Amino acid sequence: MSSNDQLRSNLHRELVASGKRDQLVELLKSRLIESGWRDDLKAYTKERINSKDSAQSVDEIIKDVSPHAR
């Protein structure tokens, strides 16, 4: 395991143990909603689904919209 992976693992363990991880996740969710990111991604996804073959799998849809979500 690289030192970066070890650091990440230690940080994750500490955040979980302190209960801060859940707080950070909730803060991130609320900020994304406030910024309009969620609604934008939802609209973009609907547009992509409607413009393509209706037989797309969920995995294909995710692969298609993931770059936009980042």
Protein backbone atom coordinates (compact mmCIF):
# COMPACT_ATOMS: atom_id res chain seq x y z
CA MET A 1 0.00 0.00 0.00
CA SER A 2 1.44 3.38 -0.97
CA SER A 3 1.83 6.16 1.58
CA ASN A 4 -0.99 8.01 -0.17
CA ASP A 5 -3.30 5.01 0.21
CA GLN A 6 -2.26 4.62 3.85
CA LEU A 7 -2.97 8.29 4.53
CA ARG A 8 -6.35 8.03 2.84
CA SER A 9 -7.19 4.91 4.85
CA ASN A 10 -6.17 6.55 8.13
CA LEU A 11 -8.17 9.67 7.36
CA HIS A 12 -11.24 7.62 6.48
CA ARG A 13 -10.94 5.58 9.68
CA GLU A 14 -10.61 8.74 11.81
CA LEU A 15 -13.55 10.45 10.10
CA VAL A 16 -15.76 7.40 10.62
CA ALA A 17 -14.68 6.97 14.25
CA SER A 18 -15.37 10.63 15.07
CA GLY A 19 -18.70 10.72 13.22
CA LYS A 20 -17.43 13.54 11.00
CA ARG A 21 -17.67 11.49 7.80
CA ASP A 22 -21.47 11.46 7.88
CA GLN A 23 -21.51 15.20 8.59
CA LEU A 24 -19.22 15.86 5.63
CA VAL A 25 -21.33 13.69 3.32
CA GLU A 26 -24.50 15.56 4.34
CA LEU A 27 -22.79 18.93 3.89
CA LEU A 28 -21.58 17.95 0.43
CA LYS A 29 -25.06 16.74 -0.59
CA SER A 30 -26.70 19.95 0.57
CA ARG A 31 -24.11 22.14 -1.18
CA LEU A 32 -24.52 20.22 -4.45
CA ILE A 33 -28.29 20.65 -4.25
CA GLU A 34 -27.97 24.37 -3.41
CA SER A 35 -25.62 24.92 -6.34
CA GLY A 36 -28.07 23.37 -8.80
CA TRP A 37 -25.66 20.55 -9.69
CA ARG A 38 -28.23 17.85 -8.96
CA ASP A 39 -30.98 19.45 -11.05
CA ASP A 40 -28.54 20.16 -13.87
CA LEU A 41 -27.33 16.56 -13.93
CA LYS A 42 -30.90 15.27 -13.81
CA ALA A 43 -31.91 17.43 -16.79
CA TYR A 44 -28.77 16.48 -18.71
CA THR A 45 -29.38 12.78 -18.06
CA LYS A 46 -32.99 12.99 -19.25
CA GLU A 47 -31.85 14.82 -22.39
CA ARG A 48 -29.20 12.17 -23.15
CA ILE A 49 -31.67 9.32 -22.57
CA ASN A 50 -34.26 10.89 -24.87
CA SER A 51 -31.71 11.57 -27.62
CA LYS A 52 -30.32 8.03 -27.73
CA ASP A 53 -31.54 4.51 -28.29
CA SER A 54 -34.20 3.67 -25.71
CA ALA A 55 -32.63 0.26 -25.14
CA GLN A 56 -29.67 1.70 -23.24
CA SER A 57 -28.61 -0.13 -20.10
CA VAL A 58 -28.13 1.70 -16.83
CA ASP A 59 -24.37 1.12 -17.13
CA GLU A 60 -24.35 2.74 -20.58
CA ILE A 61 -26.26 5.75 -19.28
CA ILE A 62 -23.87 6.13 -16.36
CA LYS A 63 -20.87 5.89 -18.68
CA ASP A 64 -22.44 8.53 -20.94
CA VAL A 65 -23.29 11.12 -18.25
CA SER A 66 -20.39 10.60 -15.82
CA PRO A 67 -18.01 13.02 -17.58
CA HIS A 68 -20.68 15.74 -17.34
CA ALA A 69 -21.19 15.04 -13.63
CA ARG A 70 -17.56 15.74 -12.82
